Each structure stands twice: as structure tokens, then as C-alpha cells.
């Protein structure tokens, strides 16, 4: 048997067995969602080349990548809402890496596909991005029909070139730099990523009042003491999201987008 066919059949059998268990226990329904997929780029906090400090992935909606297309049908009890992005700011890269390892372990589990997403959101306190204009929940909202899209996110400026300025782009083709023609727009304005705690707060940490340094107690920060050398770390994941007729939210496994470091010295005059 072809390995891809075997894994797909195994996925269905595991999901079916879990459905039977839930039904027997009288619990909420379980739905399997396929996660977003990588476009080949992962951001690493160790990367010294600022050009590469961006996040990117491909949404998973069309049948070519999985089975989420079935949740666009009017007869489906689960509605595919789209793809959400979650982040967390850290003062310690070792703490961040420990969390990444824990999430990866949960993501490898076949008994609960949503375990990693639930841990990120409920236990680890990862937050969705806010935006300079508009409100998008999830970030990449599903359209009327399945359509895989490439997503590009740069949290903070690198240099003075527009190609590497902060922004969010969504397109039908791969991207490795900012493009106004592909930028997420709201009422004619390009949408820029903002921190969860305040839609005015950006990620150019220490630049000005609209880019304050993260601090202990901020909901989007894991604060383990003052950051060494003024270096902060941002960790990011993407996840497919659906909602059933009882308004219960379902999550896919998570896609690790990577992490990036942000230096206070880059934005101080």
C-alpha cells in the first residue's frame, strides 16, 4: 500500500475511534482539521541576517493538501473559519526553546490533535496578533470556497528598504519580502502587525511611545528577568480553526513558524 494512502487511512481510523469514544461518553463532537503547511521557510532566533527574520506559511484549504475542503460544504456540521497566528514574546531564548519542545511533543500525539493548540492558547498564553487597521479573526479568513494562500509576516522593520519593512501579505504565490500589491488591506490602508495588548503597539521595541519595551505582566510576554543585552525573542505558530453548530471551536495541529530576535539597540537613536 502507498505510504500516503496508509497514513490518510490511519488518520481516519484514529479520528473515527475517537468519535466513537466521545459519543459513548456523551462528550462534544470531535472534528479533524488539517494544519497549515510550511512553504519551506522557518525563522530562527539564531539568524543574524535580518532579511530572513520573517514568518511565512501556506493555508490548508484545498483538497490537494488535506481534507479541510469538506468543511466548506453547507451540509458540514463544522465550518472552516480560517487560519490563525499566535505569538509570544520571551526574555529568555532557553525558556522559549523549552516551550517549543513541549509543544512539538504534544503535536506529535495522535490521540488529541488539538492538544498542542490548546496548550499554546490556554496554558502557555500565546496570543493572536492585533492590527493597525481593522480586525481579522482569524487572520486569514476562509472565503466562500477553498483557496490555499501564501502568508508573509514581518513584525519589525529591518533597515530602510520597503522590501523589509513590517507588514502582512497574503497572496496566491510565495513571498520572501514585503509587497504593497499583496499587502493585507483594510479600507485602503495596509494592515500592520500590532501587539495583542494594544492595537497601537508595534514590535520595534524601544523606538517610541507606540513601540514600548515589553514588561513583566504584559499578557503577551513570558518575562524571566531583564533580557540579556536588550534582546527579546518572539515565537510564532499557525493553526487551522473551525466551529461547529454548537459554536464549539476546533483546532488542527499547530505549524511552527519559528522565532525571531528583536534588539532594542536597533531602534534607539
C-alpha atoms as a PDB file:
ATOM      1  CA  UNK A   1       0.000   0.000   0.000  1.00  0.00           C
ATOM      2  CA  UNK A   2       1.236   3.513  -0.815  1.00  0.00           C
ATOM      3  CA  UNK A   3       2.521   5.191   2.371  1.00  0.00           C
ATOM      4  CA  UNK A   4       0.493   8.382   1.829  1.00  0.00           C
ATOM      5  CA  UNK A   5      -2.697   6.331   1.388  1.00  0.00           C
ATOM      6  CA  UNK A   6      -1.847   4.333   4.510  1.00  0.00           C
ATOM      7  CA  UNK A   7      -1.315   7.464   6.617  1.00  0.00           C
ATOM      8  CA  UNK A   8      -4.563   9.017   5.384  1.00  0.00           C
ATOM      9  CA  UNK A   9      -6.490   5.839   6.229  1.00  0.00           C
ATOM     10  CA  UNK A  10      -4.790   5.677   9.631  1.00  0.00           C
ATOM     11  CA  UNK A  11      -5.788   9.277  10.299  1.00  0.00           C
ATOM     12  CA  UNK A  12      -9.426   8.482   9.538  1.00  0.00           C
ATOM     13  CA  UNK A  13      -9.417   5.355  11.734  1.00  0.00           C
ATOM     14  CA  UNK A  14      -7.937   7.260  14.683  1.00  0.00           C
ATOM     15  CA  UNK A  15     -10.478  10.060  14.257  1.00  0.00           C
ATOM     16  CA  UNK A  16     -13.316   7.524  13.887  1.00  0.00           C
ATOM     17  CA  UNK A  17     -12.277   5.674  17.044  1.00  0.00           C
ATOM     18  CA  UNK A  18     -12.123   8.956  18.939  1.00  0.00           C
ATOM     19  CA  UNK A  19     -15.605   9.864  17.680  1.00  0.00           C
ATOM     20  CA  UNK A  20     -16.989   6.575  18.981  1.00  0.00           C
ATOM     21  CA  UNK A  21     -15.371   7.192  22.365  1.00  0.00           C
ATOM     22  CA  UNK A  22     -16.807  10.702  22.601  1.00  0.00           C
ATOM     23  CA  UNK A  23     -20.261   9.500  21.612  1.00  0.00           C
ATOM     24  CA  UNK A  24     -20.138   6.735  24.210  1.00  0.00           C
ATOM     25  CA  UNK A  25     -19.153   9.229  26.899  1.00  0.00           C
ATOM     26  CA  UNK A  26     -21.702  11.830  25.837  1.00  0.00           C
ATOM     27  CA  UNK A  27     -18.988  14.416  25.158  1.00  0.00           C
ATOM     28  CA  UNK A  28     -18.753  17.105  22.475  1.00  0.00           C
ATOM     29  CA  UNK A  29     -18.168  16.076  18.875  1.00  0.00           C
ATOM     30  CA  UNK A  30     -14.624  15.776  17.562  1.00  0.00           C
ATOM     31  CA  UNK A  31     -13.536  17.068  14.168  1.00  0.00           C
ATOM     32  CA  UNK A  32     -10.213  16.570  12.462  1.00  0.00           C
ATOM     33  CA  UNK A  33      -8.675  19.649  10.860  1.00  0.00           C
ATOM     34  CA  UNK A  34      -5.512  19.585   8.774  1.00  0.00           C
ATOM     35  CA  UNK A  35      -2.885  22.138   9.873  1.00  0.00           C
ATOM     36  CA  UNK A  36      -1.356  24.852   7.680  1.00  0.00           C
ATOM     37  CA  UNK A  37       1.759  23.780   5.789  1.00  0.00           C
ATOM     38  CA  UNK A  38       5.252  25.183   5.535  1.00  0.00           C
ATOM     39  CA  UNK A  39       6.456  26.951   2.415  1.00  0.00           C
ATOM     40  CA  UNK A  40       9.990  25.863   3.236  1.00  0.00           C
ATOM     41  CA  UNK A  41      10.975  28.900   5.312  1.00  0.00           C
ATOM     42  CA  UNK A  42      11.360  28.825   9.091  1.00  0.00           C
ATOM     43  CA  UNK A  43      12.598  31.821  11.031  1.00  0.00           C
ATOM     44  CA  UNK A  44      15.337  31.067  13.594  1.00  0.00           C
ATOM     45  CA  UNK A  45      16.229  33.286  16.531  1.00  0.00           C
ATOM     46  CA  UNK A  46      19.894  32.496  15.883  1.00  0.00           C
ATOM     47  CA  UNK A  47      19.745  34.000  12.383  1.00  0.00           C
ATOM     48  CA  UNK A  48      21.980  37.039  12.057  1.00  0.00           C
ATOM     49  CA  UNK A  49      20.693  38.024   8.619  1.00  0.00           C
ATOM     50  CA  UNK A  50      17.815  40.413   9.319  1.00  0.00           C
ATOM     51  CA  UNK A  51      16.418  39.863   5.827  1.00  0.00           C
ATOM     52  CA  UNK A  52      15.457  36.325   6.858  1.00  0.00           C
ATOM     53  CA  UNK A  53      13.657  37.357  10.049  1.00  0.00           C
ATOM     54  CA  UNK A  54      10.135  36.925   8.736  1.00  0.00           C
ATOM     55  CA  UNK A  55       7.413  34.287   9.117  1.00  0.00           C
ATOM     56  CA  UNK A  56       5.630  32.568   6.241  1.00  0.00           C
ATOM     57  CA  UNK A  57       3.395  29.582   5.536  1.00  0.00           C
ATOM     58  CA  UNK A  58       0.587  28.266   3.320  1.00  0.00           C
ATOM     59  CA  UNK A  59      -3.017  27.908   4.474  1.00  0.00           C
ATOM     60  CA  UNK A  60      -4.566  24.463   4.089  1.00  0.00           C
ATOM     61  CA  UNK A  61      -7.965  24.633   2.427  1.00  0.00           C
ATOM     62  CA  UNK A  62      -7.854  22.850  -0.937  1.00  0.00           C
ATOM     63  CA  UNK A  63      -8.101  19.070  -1.275  1.00  0.00           C
ATOM     64  CA  UNK A  64      -4.561  18.949  -2.694  1.00  0.00           C
ATOM     65  CA  UNK A  65      -3.144  19.466   0.809  1.00  0.00           C
ATOM     66  CA  UNK A  66      -5.697  17.758   3.048  1.00  0.00           C
ATOM     67  CA  UNK A  67      -9.377  17.396   3.833  1.00  0.00           C
ATOM     68  CA  UNK A  68     -10.350  20.838   5.134  1.00  0.00           C
ATOM     69  CA  UNK A  69     -12.217  21.484   1.876  1.00  0.00           C
ATOM     70  CA  UNK A  70     -15.094  19.325   3.162  1.00  0.00           C
ATOM     71  CA  UNK A  71     -15.788  21.944   5.865  1.00  0.00           C
ATOM     72  CA  UNK A  72     -16.806  24.473   3.220  1.00  0.00           C
ATOM     73  CA  UNK A  73     -19.878  22.391   2.364  1.00  0.00           C
ATOM     74  CA  UNK A  74     -23.258  23.691   3.531  1.00  0.00           C
ATOM     75  CA  UNK A  75     -24.029  20.188   4.810  1.00  0.00           C
ATOM     76  CA  UNK A  76     -20.993  20.060   7.109  1.00  0.00           C
ATOM     77  CA  UNK A  77     -21.594  20.447  10.844  1.00  0.00           C
ATOM     78  CA  UNK A  78     -18.157  22.051  11.134  1.00  0.00           C
ATOM     79  CA  UNK A  79     -17.418  25.334   9.362  1.00  0.00           C
ATOM     80  CA  UNK A  80     -13.814  26.126   8.413  1.00  0.00           C
ATOM     81  CA  UNK A  81     -13.192  29.626   9.780  1.00  0.00           C
ATOM     82  CA  UNK A  82      -9.661  30.101   8.500  1.00  0.00           C
ATOM     83  CA  UNK A  83      -6.094  30.175   9.782  1.00  0.00           C
ATOM     84  CA  UNK A  84      -4.960  31.932  12.935  1.00  0.00           C
ATOM     85  CA  UNK A  85      -1.468  33.001  14.001  1.00  0.00           C
ATOM     86  CA  UNK A  86      -0.352  33.026  17.650  1.00  0.00           C
ATOM     87  CA  UNK A  87       2.774  34.558  19.168  1.00  0.00           C
ATOM     88  CA  UNK A  88       4.565  35.026  22.491  1.00  0.00           C
ATOM     89  CA  UNK A  89       7.370  37.390  23.492  1.00  0.00           C
ATOM     90  CA  UNK A  90      10.204  35.972  25.633  1.00  0.00           C
ATOM     91  CA  UNK A  91      13.118  37.465  27.535  1.00  0.00           C
ATOM     92  CA  UNK A  92      14.913  34.099  27.590  1.00  0.00           C
ATOM     93  CA  UNK A  93      15.591  32.029  24.480  1.00  0.00           C
ATOM     94  CA  UNK A  94      16.144  28.898  26.609  1.00  0.00           C
ATOM     95  CA  UNK A  95      12.670  29.234  28.141  1.00  0.00           C
ATOM     96  CA  UNK A  96      11.256  29.709  24.643  1.00  0.00           C
ATOM     97  CA  UNK A  97      13.042  26.625  23.307  1.00  0.00           C
ATOM     98  CA  UNK A  98      11.763  24.529  26.229  1.00  0.00           C
ATOM     99  CA  UNK A  99       8.207  25.558  25.351  1.00  0.00           C
ATOM    100  CA  UNK A 100       8.821  24.793  21.673  1.00  0.00           C
ATOM    101  CA  UNK A 101       9.977  21.292  22.596  1.00  0.00           C
ATOM    102  CA  UNK A 102       6.931  20.715  24.789  1.00  0.00           C
ATOM    103  CA  UNK A 103       4.578  21.881  22.036  1.00  0.00           C
ATOM    104  CA  UNK A 104       6.369  19.709  19.478  1.00  0.00           C
ATOM    105  CA  UNK A 105       5.851  16.700  21.747  1.00  0.00           C
ATOM    106  CA  UNK A 106       2.128  17.410  22.026  1.00  0.00           C
ATOM    107  CA  UNK A 107       1.926  17.998  18.289  1.00  0.00           C
ATOM    108  CA  UNK A 108       3.324  14.512  17.689  1.00  0.00           C
ATOM    109  CA  UNK A 109       0.491  12.916  19.644  1.00  0.00           C
ATOM    110  CA  UNK A 110      -2.200  11.178  17.588  1.00  0.00           C
ATOM    111  CA  UNK A 111      -4.659  10.844  20.492  1.00  0.00           C
ATOM    112  CA  UNK A 112      -5.613  14.515  20.638  1.00  0.00           C
ATOM    113  CA  UNK A 113      -4.959  16.554  17.518  1.00  0.00           C
ATOM    114  CA  UNK A 114      -5.822  19.818  19.270  1.00  0.00           C
ATOM    115  CA  UNK A 115      -3.580  19.271  22.313  1.00  0.00           C
ATOM    116  CA  UNK A 116      -0.744  21.486  21.070  1.00  0.00           C
ATOM    117  CA  UNK A 117      -3.060  24.351  20.098  1.00  0.00           C
ATOM    118  CA  UNK A 118      -4.930  24.157  23.387  1.00  0.00           C
ATOM    119  CA  UNK A 119      -1.646  24.198  25.322  1.00  0.00           C
ATOM    120  CA  UNK A 120      -0.379  27.201  23.352  1.00  0.00           C
ATOM    121  CA  UNK A 121      -3.539  29.207  23.890  1.00  0.00           C
ATOM    122  CA  UNK A 122      -4.815  28.100  27.293  1.00  0.00           C
ATOM    123  CA  UNK A 123      -1.679  27.106  29.199  1.00  0.00           C
ATOM    124  CA  UNK A 124       1.186  28.988  27.546  1.00  0.00           C
ATOM    125  CA  UNK A 125      -0.717  32.199  26.918  1.00  0.00           C
ATOM    126  CA  UNK A 126       0.142  32.670  23.253  1.00  0.00           C
ATOM    127  CA  UNK A 127      -1.911  35.477  21.726  1.00  0.00           C
ATOM    128  CA  UNK A 128      -3.248  36.322  18.261  1.00  0.00           C
ATOM    129  CA  UNK A 129      -1.890  39.409  16.563  1.00  0.00           C
ATOM    130  CA  UNK A 130      -3.766  42.689  16.566  1.00  0.00           C
ATOM    131  CA  UNK A 131      -3.673  45.097  13.656  1.00  0.00           C
ATOM    132  CA  UNK A 132      -3.101  48.740  12.815  1.00  0.00           C
ATOM    133  CA  UNK A 133      -6.362  48.800  10.836  1.00  0.00           C
ATOM    134  CA  UNK A 134      -9.393  46.552  11.013  1.00  0.00           C
ATOM    135  CA  UNK A 135      -9.975  43.338  12.904  1.00  0.00           C
ATOM    136  CA  UNK A 136      -9.268  39.901  11.476  1.00  0.00           C
ATOM    137  CA  UNK A 137     -10.297  36.808  13.399  1.00  0.00           C
ATOM    138  CA  UNK A 138      -8.819  34.526  12.335  1.00  0.00           C
ATOM    139  CA  UNK A 139      -6.017  36.335  10.497  1.00  0.00           C
ATOM    140  CA  UNK A 140      -6.640  34.548   7.188  1.00  0.00           C
ATOM    141  CA  UNK A 141     -10.389  34.230   6.998  1.00  0.00           C
ATOM    142  CA  UNK A 142     -11.943  31.495   4.877  1.00  0.00           C
ATOM    143  CA  UNK A 143     -13.663  32.586   1.687  1.00  0.00           C
ATOM    144  CA  UNK A 144     -16.742  31.098   0.076  1.00  0.00           C
ATOM    145  CA  UNK A 145     -14.671  28.256  -1.421  1.00  0.00           C
ATOM    146  CA  UNK A 146     -11.370  26.520  -0.552  1.00  0.00           C
ATOM    147  CA  UNK A 147      -8.349  28.553  -1.623  1.00  0.00           C
ATOM    148  CA  UNK A 148      -4.804  27.945  -0.381  1.00  0.00           C
ATOM    149  CA  UNK A 149      -2.954  31.196   0.232  1.00  0.00           C
ATOM    150  CA  UNK A 150       0.629  32.126   0.978  1.00  0.00           C
ATOM    151  CA  UNK A 151       1.099  34.298   4.062  1.00  0.00           C
ATOM    152  CA  UNK A 152       4.072  36.562   4.861  1.00  0.00           C
ATOM    153  CA  UNK A 153       4.518  38.380   8.187  1.00  0.00           C
ATOM    154  CA  UNK A 154       7.356  40.664   9.277  1.00  0.00           C
ATOM    155  CA  UNK A 155       6.909  42.030  12.792  1.00  0.00           C
ATOM    156  CA  UNK A 156       9.501  44.774  12.776  1.00  0.00           C
ATOM    157  CA  UNK A 157      11.465  46.886  10.324  1.00  0.00           C
ATOM    158  CA  UNK A 158      14.861  45.818   9.036  1.00  0.00           C
ATOM    159  CA  UNK A 159      16.869  48.631   7.506  1.00  0.00           C
ATOM    160  CA  UNK A 160      15.270  51.381   5.460  1.00  0.00           C
ATOM    161  CA  UNK A 161      14.172  49.437   2.388  1.00  0.00           C
ATOM    162  CA  UNK A 162      10.438  48.980   1.888  1.00  0.00           C
ATOM    163  CA  UNK A 163      11.061  45.341   0.937  1.00  0.00           C
ATOM    164  CA  UNK A 164      11.930  44.603   4.563  1.00  0.00           C
ATOM    165  CA  UNK A 165       9.509  46.819   6.425  1.00  0.00           C
ATOM    166  CA  UNK A 166       6.973  45.395   8.844  1.00  0.00           C
ATOM    167  CA  UNK A 167       3.746  44.158   7.305  1.00  0.00           C
ATOM    168  CA  UNK A 168       1.390  41.317   6.453  1.00  0.00           C
ATOM    169  CA  UNK A 169       0.961  39.981   2.918  1.00  0.00           C
ATOM    170  CA  UNK A 170      -1.468  37.352   1.633  1.00  0.00           C
ATOM    171  CA  UNK A 171      -1.162  36.059  -1.909  1.00  0.00           C
ATOM    172  CA  UNK A 172      -1.574  33.116  -4.263  1.00  0.00           C
ATOM    173  CA  UNK A 173       2.190  32.937  -4.752  1.00  0.00           C
ATOM    174  CA  UNK A 174       5.227  32.526  -2.424  1.00  0.00           C
ATOM    175  CA  UNK A 175       6.737  35.676  -0.875  1.00  0.00           C
ATOM    176  CA  UNK A 176      10.045  36.430   0.808  1.00  0.00           C
ATOM    177  CA  UNK A 177       9.676  40.200   1.144  1.00  0.00           C
ATOM    178  CA  UNK A 178       7.016  42.842   1.650  1.00  0.00           C
ATOM    179  CA  UNK A 179       4.921  43.799  -1.365  1.00  0.00           C
ATOM    180  CA  UNK A 180       2.286  46.525  -1.256  1.00  0.00           C
ATOM    181  CA  UNK A 181       0.361  44.806  -4.055  1.00  0.00           C
ATOM    182  CA  UNK A 182      -0.007  41.704  -1.827  1.00  0.00           C
ATOM    183  CA  UNK A 183      -0.450  43.560   1.465  1.00  0.00           C
ATOM    184  CA  UNK A 184      -3.433  42.819   3.670  1.00  0.00           C
ATOM    185  CA  UNK A 185      -5.633  45.904   3.383  1.00  0.00           C
ATOM    186  CA  UNK A 186      -8.478  47.497   5.335  1.00  0.00           C
ATOM    187  CA  UNK A 187     -10.376  50.476   3.901  1.00  0.00           C
ATOM    188  CA  UNK A 188      -7.492  51.185   1.561  1.00  0.00           C
ATOM    189  CA  UNK A 189      -4.844  51.087   4.278  1.00  0.00           C
ATOM    190  CA  UNK A 190      -2.125  48.413   4.554  1.00  0.00           C
ATOM    191  CA  UNK A 191      -2.541  46.393   7.743  1.00  0.00           C
ATOM    192  CA  UNK A 192       0.490  46.239  10.049  1.00  0.00           C
ATOM    193  CA  UNK A 193       1.027  43.720  12.865  1.00  0.00           C
ATOM    194  CA  UNK A 194       0.422  45.004  16.372  1.00  0.00           C
ATOM    195  CA  UNK A 195       0.715  43.539  19.848  1.00  0.00           C
ATOM    196  CA  UNK A 196      -2.255  41.818  21.454  1.00  0.00           C
ATOM    197  CA  UNK A 197      -2.266  44.119  24.482  1.00  0.00           C
ATOM    198  CA  UNK A 198      -2.719  47.307  22.457  1.00  0.00           C
ATOM    199  CA  UNK A 199      -3.525  47.811  18.763  1.00  0.00           C
ATOM    200  CA  UNK A 200      -1.217  50.866  18.772  1.00  0.00           C
ATOM    201  CA  UNK A 201       1.816  48.932  19.991  1.00  0.00           C
ATOM    202  CA  UNK A 202       4.302  47.698  17.402  1.00  0.00           C
ATOM    203  CA  UNK A 203       7.321  45.398  17.597  1.00  0.00           C
ATOM    204  CA  UNK A 204      10.103  47.980  17.028  1.00  0.00           C
ATOM    205  CA  UNK A 205      10.832  47.677  20.742  1.00  0.00           C
ATOM    206  CA  UNK A 206      12.096  50.886  22.326  1.00  0.00           C
ATOM    207  CA  UNK A 207      11.692  53.093  19.267  1.00  0.00           C
ATOM    208  CA  UNK A 208       8.967  55.388  20.628  1.00  0.00           C
ATOM    209  CA  UNK A 209       5.781  55.506  22.720  1.00  0.00           C
ATOM    210  CA  UNK A 210       3.968  53.332  20.171  1.00  0.00           C
ATOM    211  CA  UNK A 211       6.695  50.697  20.411  1.00  0.00           C
ATOM    212  CA  UNK A 212       7.266  50.372  24.171  1.00  0.00           C
ATOM    213  CA  UNK A 213       9.522  47.750  25.660  1.00  0.00           C
ATOM    214  CA  UNK A 214       7.602  44.670  26.794  1.00  0.00           C
ATOM    215  CA  UNK A 215       7.364  44.336  30.558  1.00  0.00           C
ATOM    216  CA  UNK A 216       6.502  41.854  33.256  1.00  0.00           C
ATOM    217  CA  UNK A 217       2.743  41.415  33.497  1.00  0.00           C
ATOM    218  CA  UNK A 218       2.019  42.015  29.799  1.00  0.00           C
ATOM    219  CA  UNK A 219      -0.358  39.302  28.615  1.00  0.00           C
ATOM    220  CA  UNK A 220       1.771  38.523  25.554  1.00  0.00           C
ATOM    221  CA  UNK A 221       5.093  38.277  27.433  1.00  0.00           C
ATOM    222  CA  UNK A 222       6.882  35.464  29.237  1.00  0.00           C
ATOM    223  CA  UNK A 223       9.112  37.530  31.497  1.00  0.00           C
ATOM    224  CA  UNK A 224      12.044  35.668  33.019  1.00  0.00           C
ATOM    225  CA  UNK A 225      14.020  38.697  34.120  1.00  0.00           C
ATOM    226  CA  UNK A 226      15.514  41.548  32.113  1.00  0.00           C
ATOM    227  CA  UNK A 227      16.519  40.475  28.600  1.00  0.00           C
ATOM    228  CA  UNK A 228      20.243  39.897  28.192  1.00  0.00           C
ATOM    229  CA  UNK A 229      21.798  42.606  26.023  1.00  0.00           C
ATOM    230  CA  UNK A 230      18.373  44.097  25.331  1.00  0.00           C
ATOM    231  CA  UNK A 231      17.457  41.129  23.107  1.00  0.00           C
ATOM    232  CA  UNK A 232      13.859  39.952  23.001  1.00  0.00           C
ATOM    233  CA  UNK A 233      12.538  36.811  21.295  1.00  0.00           C
ATOM    234  CA  UNK A 234       9.200  36.285  19.562  1.00  0.00           C
ATOM    235  CA  UNK A 235       7.872  32.772  18.952  1.00  0.00           C
ATOM    236  CA  UNK A 236       5.098  32.114  16.421  1.00  0.00           C
ATOM    237  CA  UNK A 237       2.713  29.341  15.293  1.00  0.00           C
ATOM    238  CA  UNK A 238      -0.145  28.966  12.795  1.00  0.00           C
ATOM    239  CA  UNK A 239      -3.240  26.775  13.216  1.00  0.00           C
ATOM    240  CA  UNK A 240      -6.396  25.923  11.259  1.00  0.00           C
ATOM    241  CA  UNK A 241      -9.634  26.844  13.063  1.00  0.00           C
ATOM    242  CA  UNK A 242     -13.220  25.625  12.709  1.00  0.00           C
ATOM    243  CA  UNK A 243     -16.511  25.977  14.570  1.00  0.00           C
ATOM    244  CA  UNK A 244     -19.410  23.530  14.772  1.00  0.00           C
ATOM    245  CA  UNK A 245     -23.157  24.049  15.061  1.00  0.00           C
ATOM    246  CA  UNK A 246     -22.895  24.247  18.866  1.00  0.00           C
ATOM    247  CA  UNK A 247     -20.324  27.057  18.489  1.00  0.00           C
ATOM    248  CA  UNK A 248     -17.520  24.900  19.863  1.00  0.00           C
ATOM    249  CA  UNK A 249     -14.123  25.751  18.384  1.00  0.00           C
ATOM    250  CA  UNK A 250     -11.894  23.063  16.882  1.00  0.00           C
ATOM    251  CA  UNK A 251      -8.173  23.371  16.160  1.00  0.00           C
ATOM    252  CA  UNK A 252      -5.730  21.494  13.991  1.00  0.00           C
ATOM    253  CA  UNK A 253      -2.237  20.527  14.988  1.00  0.00           C
ATOM    254  CA  UNK A 254      -0.041  23.616  15.011  1.00  0.00           C
ATOM    255  CA  UNK A 255       2.559  24.637  12.452  1.00  0.00           C
ATOM    256  CA  UNK A 256       5.753  26.024  13.977  1.00  0.00           C
ATOM    257  CA  UNK A 257       6.669  29.179  12.055  1.00  0.00           C
ATOM    258  CA  UNK A 258       9.849  29.802  14.004  1.00  0.00           C
ATOM    259  CA  UNK A 259      11.137  32.588  16.195  1.00  0.00           C
ATOM    260  CA  UNK A 260      12.929  35.870  15.744  1.00  0.00           C
ATOM    261  CA  UNK A 261      15.052  38.104  17.930  1.00  0.00           C
ATOM    262  CA  UNK A 262      14.456  41.828  18.298  1.00  0.00           C
ATOM    263  CA  UNK A 263      17.211  44.063  19.648  1.00  0.00           C
ATOM    264  CA  UNK A 264      16.373  47.266  21.482  1.00  0.00           C
ATOM    265  CA  UNK A 265      19.551  48.835  20.082  1.00  0.00           C
ATOM    266  CA  UNK A 266      18.199  48.575  16.525  1.00  0.00           C
ATOM    267  CA  UNK A 267      15.523  51.183  17.312  1.00  0.00           C
ATOM    268  CA  UNK A 268      17.179  53.521  19.765  1.00  0.00           C
ATOM    269  CA  UNK A 269      18.525  56.836  18.479  1.00  0.00           C
END
